[in-house]
Amino acid sequence: MINLEWYRTFKAVYKHRNYSKAAEELFMSQPAISNQMSMLEAYVGHKLFLRKSKGVEATENAKFLNNLIIESLDTLEEVEAMYSRSVRKEEKLHVLGISQHLYNSMLSDKLTQFKYIDIRFEDRNEVLFELVNQQEIDAAIVHNEVQTFDVLSSKILSSPLVIVSHPSINTTELDEHIKNDDIRKIQSWLEKQTWFSHMSTNPFIKLFWLHCFNKRRPKVFTNYIIPNEYFMLQALTETEGIGVALYENARALIEHGQLKLLWKTSNYPERDYFLIAHKKQKSLFEMLRNVFTPNYAKT
């Protein structure tokens, strides 16, 4: 029997020409994407995608299938979206956008304060702002202050970026450099370590280097990129290496001895986070602001 989800997966793979990107869009694993495409190919009796060095190439059969189903699938998804919006309106189900790596530290322990909440994961700051601005979602948490006529904004968190490691890493040499306040040798020691990051562009590492060493381009080779800060920190508790993360996300692991705070310095850069919502969602904005900063001063 045909599975409608196979067609949704086919649409994503056809659009991106890449199993990994399709998996990201659908919040699925890459093996699950591959498995669904194999079942669909078996059902239709034709090869749909050919693997290439970078992604996949659609066959003529895939192009034909896409032309057959795309209009119907788009119509079905529009109906689903309309129904979802009507349910949200009826039940006051609010949609909050937040990055995955902030969810655990900022929101997971607060879910019981909401009767209804729909979480939209999105790491890109500009996308979250646009979704709020266009009223596609009700509110979001972003890392840049927003000052526009239609969008409300309030700072809800300020956390330093800290450098942490697996607790068993040998820091004898580093501790001596820190004791002597030898910044050049501290930097040199750090550059020789095994590095973890939650983004391939290493924004946290670059910001850390700029503030602590006054250098824009760290000579750091990132050994492991795990595209979620929370999971990156979890990996650091099991594998020897170092990384830069929000103290708010690493604090519990440091306090329980699962991670080690390598270097205490007054030069740690601060990272601010802001709650934003469309001005038509002012009551929701006030409620969320009280959830995240219960002692805020009302003005």
Protein backbone atom coordinates (compact mmCIF):
# COMPACT_ATOMS: atom_id res chain seq x y z
CA MET A 1 0.00 0.00 0.00
CA ILE A 2 1.29 3.45 -0.90
CA ASN A 3 2.30 5.67 2.00
CA LEU A 4 1.58 9.39 1.67
CA GLU A 5 4.73 10.16 3.66
CA TRP A 6 6.79 8.60 0.86
CA TYR A 7 5.52 11.34 -1.44
CA ARG A 8 6.31 14.07 1.11
CA THR A 9 9.82 12.68 1.39
CA PHE A 10 10.11 12.39 -2.40
CA LYS A 11 9.10 16.06 -2.73
CA ALA A 12 11.82 17.16 -0.27
CA VAL A 13 14.52 15.05 -1.92
CA TYR A 14 13.47 16.24 -5.37
CA LYS A 15 13.60 19.86 -4.21
CA HIS A 16 16.99 19.66 -2.50
CA ARG A 17 18.60 16.92 -4.60
CA ASN A 18 20.19 15.87 -1.32
CA TYR A 19 19.14 13.30 1.29
CA SER A 20 20.77 15.16 4.18
CA LYS A 21 19.00 18.46 3.42
CA ALA A 22 15.71 16.64 2.96
CA ALA A 23 16.24 14.99 6.34
CA GLU A 24 16.84 18.40 7.95
CA GLU A 25 13.66 19.84 6.44
CA LEU A 26 11.51 16.89 7.56
CA PHE A 27 13.26 16.38 10.92
CA MET A 28 14.11 12.80 9.99
CA SER A 29 17.31 10.80 9.92
CA GLN A 30 19.12 10.32 6.62
CA PRO A 31 18.73 6.50 6.78
CA ALA A 32 14.96 6.98 7.18
CA ILE A 33 14.91 9.17 4.06
CA SER A 34 16.89 6.58 2.12
CA ASN A 35 14.62 3.78 3.32
CA GLN A 36 11.44 5.60 2.29
CA MET A 37 12.85 6.33 -1.16
CA SER A 38 13.80 2.67 -1.60
CA MET A 39 10.24 1.62 -0.71
CA LEU A 40 8.74 4.19 -3.09
CA GLU A 41 11.04 3.02 -5.90
CA ALA A 42 10.01 -0.56 -5.23
CA TYR A 43 6.34 0.46 -5.32
CA VAL A 44 6.51 2.44 -8.59
CA GLY A 45 8.95 -0.02 -10.16
CA HIS A 46 11.44 2.61 -11.32
CA LYS A 47 14.68 4.15 -10.12
CA LEU A 48 13.99 7.73 -9.01
CA PHE A 49 17.36 9.09 -7.87
CA LEU A 50 20.96 8.35 -8.75
CA ARG A 51 23.58 8.98 -6.08
CA LYS A 52 26.33 11.45 -6.96
CA SER A 53 29.40 12.64 -5.08
CA LYS A 54 27.36 15.58 -3.81
CA GLY A 55 23.71 14.66 -3.38
CA VAL A 56 21.50 12.85 -5.89
CA GLU A 57 20.31 13.33 -9.46
CA ALA A 58 16.66 12.95 -10.40
CA THR A 59 15.94 10.42 -13.15
CA GLU A 60 13.40 10.99 -15.92
CA ASN A 61 11.01 8.78 -13.96
CA ALA A 62 11.40 11.07 -10.94
CA LYS A 63 10.67 14.12 -13.07
CA PHE A 64 7.56 12.44 -14.46
CA LEU A 65 6.38 11.42 -10.97
CA ASN A 66 6.98 14.93 -9.65
CA ASN A 67 4.80 16.43 -12.42
CA LEU A 68 2.04 13.96 -11.54
CA ILE A 69 1.90 14.51 -7.78
CA ILE A 70 3.23 18.00 -7.03
CA GLU A 71 -0.03 19.91 -7.56
CA SER A 72 -2.10 17.44 -5.54
CA LEU A 73 0.49 17.29 -2.77
CA ASP A 74 0.69 21.08 -2.54
CA THR A 75 -3.11 21.27 -2.32
CA LEU A 76 -3.17 18.68 0.45
CA GLU A 77 -0.49 20.54 2.42
CA GLU A 78 -2.42 23.82 2.03
CA VAL A 79 -5.54 22.12 3.43
CA GLU A 80 -3.51 20.72 6.34
CA ALA A 81 -2.03 24.17 7.03
CA MET A 82 -5.48 25.78 6.98
CA TYR A 83 -6.79 23.15 9.38
CA SER A 84 -3.77 23.57 11.64
CA ARG A 85 -4.31 27.35 11.74
CA SER A 86 -7.99 26.91 12.58
CA VAL A 87 -7.13 24.49 15.39
CA ARG A 88 -4.52 26.91 16.76
CA LYS A 89 -7.07 29.71 16.67
CA GLU A 90 -9.73 27.60 18.36
CA GLU A 91 -7.45 26.23 21.08
CA LYS A 92 -5.14 29.25 21.31
CA LEU A 93 -2.17 27.10 20.38
CA HIS A 94 0.70 29.57 20.19
CA VAL A 95 3.73 28.93 18.00
CA LEU A 96 7.14 29.78 19.45
CA GLY A 97 10.29 29.71 17.33
CA ILE A 98 13.56 28.77 19.01
CA SER A 99 16.87 27.17 18.06
CA GLN A 100 17.33 23.54 19.05
CA HIS A 101 20.42 24.24 21.16
CA LEU A 102 18.51 26.78 23.29
CA TYR A 103 15.43 24.64 23.79
CA ASN A 104 16.89 22.43 26.51
CA SER A 105 18.35 25.23 28.63
CA MET A 106 15.62 27.85 28.18
CA LEU A 107 12.32 26.12 27.49
CA SER A 108 12.18 22.40 28.31
CA ASP A 109 11.67 22.98 32.04
CA LYS A 110 8.98 25.62 31.44
CA LEU A 111 6.56 23.64 29.26
CA THR A 112 4.11 23.06 32.13
CA GLN A 113 3.54 26.83 32.27
CA PHE A 114 1.76 26.62 28.92
CA LYS A 115 -1.60 24.98 28.26
CA TYR A 116 -0.85 24.82 24.55
CA ILE A 117 2.48 25.45 22.84
CA ASP A 118 3.75 24.58 19.36
CA ILE A 119 7.56 24.65 19.13
CA ARG A 120 9.13 25.56 15.78
CA PHE A 121 12.85 24.73 15.63
CA GLU A 122 14.89 27.18 13.54
CA ASP A 123 18.54 28.15 14.08
CA ARG A 124 18.69 31.07 11.65
CA ASN A 125 18.05 34.38 13.35
CA GLU A 126 16.85 36.18 10.22
CA VAL A 127 14.33 33.44 9.43
CA LEU A 128 12.83 33.60 12.93
CA PHE A 129 12.44 37.37 12.66
CA GLU A 130 10.77 37.12 9.26
CA LEU A 131 8.37 34.43 10.49
CA VAL A 132 7.32 36.68 13.38
CA ASN A 133 7.15 39.78 11.19
CA GLN A 134 4.91 37.97 8.69
CA GLN A 135 2.83 36.50 11.56
CA GLU A 136 3.65 32.95 10.46
CA ILE A 137 4.61 32.26 14.08
CA ASP A 138 3.54 34.13 17.21
CA ALA A 139 6.87 34.69 18.96
CA ALA A 140 10.53 33.69 18.84
CA ILE A 141 13.81 33.83 20.72
CA VAL A 142 16.64 35.45 18.75
CA HIS A 143 20.17 36.63 19.49
CA ASN A 144 19.92 40.10 17.95
CA GLU A 145 17.89 42.98 19.29
CA VAL A 146 14.95 43.89 17.07
CA GLN A 147 13.72 47.45 16.73
CA THR A 148 10.85 47.75 14.27
CA PHE A 149 7.37 49.23 14.41
CA ASP A 150 5.57 45.89 14.09
CA VAL A 151 7.73 43.68 16.33
CA LEU A 152 8.05 43.83 20.13
CA SER A 153 11.41 42.95 21.67
CA SER A 154 12.84 42.36 25.15
CA LYS A 155 16.15 40.91 26.39
CA ILE A 156 15.52 37.73 28.39
CA LEU A 157 18.99 36.23 28.77
CA SER A 158 22.62 37.32 28.80
CA SER A 159 25.14 34.50 29.02
CA PRO A 160 28.92 34.46 28.59
CA LEU A 161 30.59 32.14 26.12
CA VAL A 162 32.90 29.83 28.06
CA ILE A 163 35.51 27.29 27.08
CA VAL A 164 34.86 23.80 28.41
CA SER A 165 36.35 20.34 28.05
CA HIS A 166 35.96 16.69 28.90
CA PRO A 167 36.67 16.46 32.67
CA SER A 168 39.67 14.12 32.33
CA ILE A 169 41.67 16.27 29.91
CA ASN A 170 45.21 16.99 31.14
CA THR A 171 45.45 20.73 31.77
CA THR A 172 48.69 20.85 33.78
CA GLU A 173 50.48 22.90 31.10
CA LEU A 174 47.48 25.16 30.53
CA ASP A 175 47.05 25.80 34.26
CA GLU A 176 50.67 26.95 34.45
CA HIS A 177 50.15 29.37 31.55
CA ILE A 178 46.99 30.70 33.20
CA LYS A 179 48.82 31.14 36.50
CA ASN A 180 51.50 33.16 34.68
CA ASP A 181 48.84 35.07 32.71
CA ASP A 182 50.70 34.14 29.51
CA ILE A 183 47.99 34.82 26.92
CA ARG A 184 50.15 33.80 23.96
CA LYS A 185 50.89 30.37 25.45
CA ILE A 186 47.27 29.88 26.52
CA GLN A 187 46.21 30.49 22.93
CA SER A 188 48.91 28.17 21.59
CA TRP A 189 47.86 25.36 23.95
CA LEU A 190 44.20 25.71 22.99
CA GLU A 191 44.99 25.62 19.27
CA LYS A 192 46.66 22.20 19.64
CA GLN A 193 43.62 20.52 21.20
CA THR A 194 40.82 18.39 19.75
CA TRP A 195 37.98 20.78 19.01
CA PHE A 196 34.19 20.41 18.98
CA SER A 197 31.78 22.91 17.43
CA HIS A 198 28.04 23.05 16.79
CA MET A 199 28.43 24.96 13.50
CA SER A 200 30.87 24.56 10.63
CA THR A 201 31.51 28.32 10.57
CA ASN A 202 32.58 28.24 14.25
CA PRO A 203 30.90 31.54 15.25
CA PHE A 204 31.32 30.95 19.01
CA ILE A 205 35.01 30.06 18.64
CA LYS A 206 35.64 33.14 16.50
CA LEU A 207 33.84 35.42 18.95
CA PHE A 208 35.78 33.88 21.84
CA TRP A 209 39.11 34.41 20.04
CA LEU A 210 38.24 38.02 19.22
CA HIS A 211 37.47 38.90 22.83
CA CYS A 212 40.11 36.82 24.61
CA PHE A 213 43.00 37.03 22.16
CA ASN A 214 42.07 40.03 20.01
CA LYS A 215 42.31 37.89 16.89
CA ARG A 216 39.63 37.45 14.26
CA ARG A 217 40.85 34.15 12.80
CA PRO A 218 41.74 31.42 15.30
CA LYS A 219 44.18 28.77 14.10
CA VAL A 220 41.81 26.05 15.17
CA PHE A 221 41.01 22.86 13.27
CA THR A 222 37.51 21.66 14.16
CA ASN A 223 37.65 17.90 14.57
CA TYR A 224 33.96 17.29 15.31
CA ILE A 225 30.97 19.34 14.15
CA ILE A 226 27.71 18.37 15.86
CA PRO A 227 24.96 20.72 14.61
CA ASN A 228 23.29 21.26 17.97
CA GLU A 229 25.02 22.90 20.93
CA TYR A 230 23.25 20.72 23.51
CA PHE A 231 24.27 17.48 21.77
CA MET A 232 27.78 18.84 21.23
CA LEU A 233 28.14 19.36 24.98
CA GLN A 234 26.78 15.87 25.63
CA ALA A 235 29.42 14.48 23.25
CA LEU A 236 32.13 16.38 25.14
CA THR A 237 31.12 14.58 28.33
CA GLU A 238 32.04 11.30 26.62
CA THR A 239 34.92 12.22 24.30
CA GLU A 240 38.11 14.06 25.20
CA GLY A 241 38.20 17.48 23.57
CA ILE A 242 37.25 21.13 24.08
CA GLY A 243 34.62 23.55 22.83
CA VAL A 244 33.08 26.99 23.30
CA ALA A 245 29.47 27.18 24.46
CA LEU A 246 26.98 29.34 26.30
CA TYR A 247 27.56 29.04 30.03
CA GLU A 248 23.78 28.78 30.44
CA ASN A 249 23.82 25.59 28.35
CA ALA A 250 26.96 24.13 29.97
CA ARG A 251 26.30 25.13 33.60
CA ALA A 252 24.51 21.99 34.78
CA LEU A 253 27.14 19.73 33.21
CA ILE A 254 29.93 21.77 34.83
CA GLU A 255 28.23 21.70 38.24
CA HIS A 256 27.80 17.91 38.04
CA GLY A 257 31.43 17.37 37.03
CA GLN A 258 30.58 16.12 33.55
CA LEU A 259 32.39 19.04 31.93
CA LYS A 260 35.38 21.10 33.04
CA LEU A 261 35.55 24.89 32.85
CA LEU A 262 39.05 25.33 31.42
CA TRP A 263 39.75 29.00 31.95
CA LYS A 264 38.12 31.67 34.08
CA THR A 265 38.70 35.06 32.50
CA SER A 266 36.99 38.43 32.64
CA ASN A 267 37.28 38.65 28.85
CA TYR A 268 34.57 36.12 28.11
CA PRO A 269 32.23 37.55 25.44
CA GLU A 270 28.56 37.92 26.35
CA ARG A 271 25.77 36.60 24.16
CA ASP A 272 22.36 38.25 24.51
CA TYR A 273 19.02 36.66 23.65
CA PHE A 274 15.76 38.47 23.00
CA LEU A 275 12.11 37.53 23.01
CA ILE A 276 10.28 38.93 19.99
CA ALA A 277 6.61 38.89 19.01
CA HIS A 278 4.37 40.75 16.58
CA LYS A 279 2.68 43.78 18.14
CA LYS A 280 -0.69 42.08 17.62
CA GLN A 281 0.51 39.43 20.09
CA LYS A 282 1.21 41.86 22.92
CA SER A 283 -0.62 39.83 25.58
CA LEU A 284 1.32 36.71 24.57
CA PHE A 285 4.55 38.73 24.57
CA GLU A 286 3.92 39.91 28.15
CA MET A 287 3.08 36.39 29.29
CA LEU A 288 6.21 34.92 27.69
CA ARG A 289 8.40 37.68 29.08
CA ASN A 290 7.14 36.85 32.55
CA VAL A 291 7.85 33.14 31.98
CA PHE A 292 11.44 33.74 30.91
CA THR A 293 12.19 36.68 33.21
CA PRO A 294 9.63 36.48 36.05
CA ASN A 295 11.16 39.42 37.93
CA TYR A 296 11.32 41.85 35.01
CA ALA A 297 10.47 45.47 35.82
CA LYS A 298 7.34 46.53 34.00
CA THR A 299 7.58 49.92 32.42
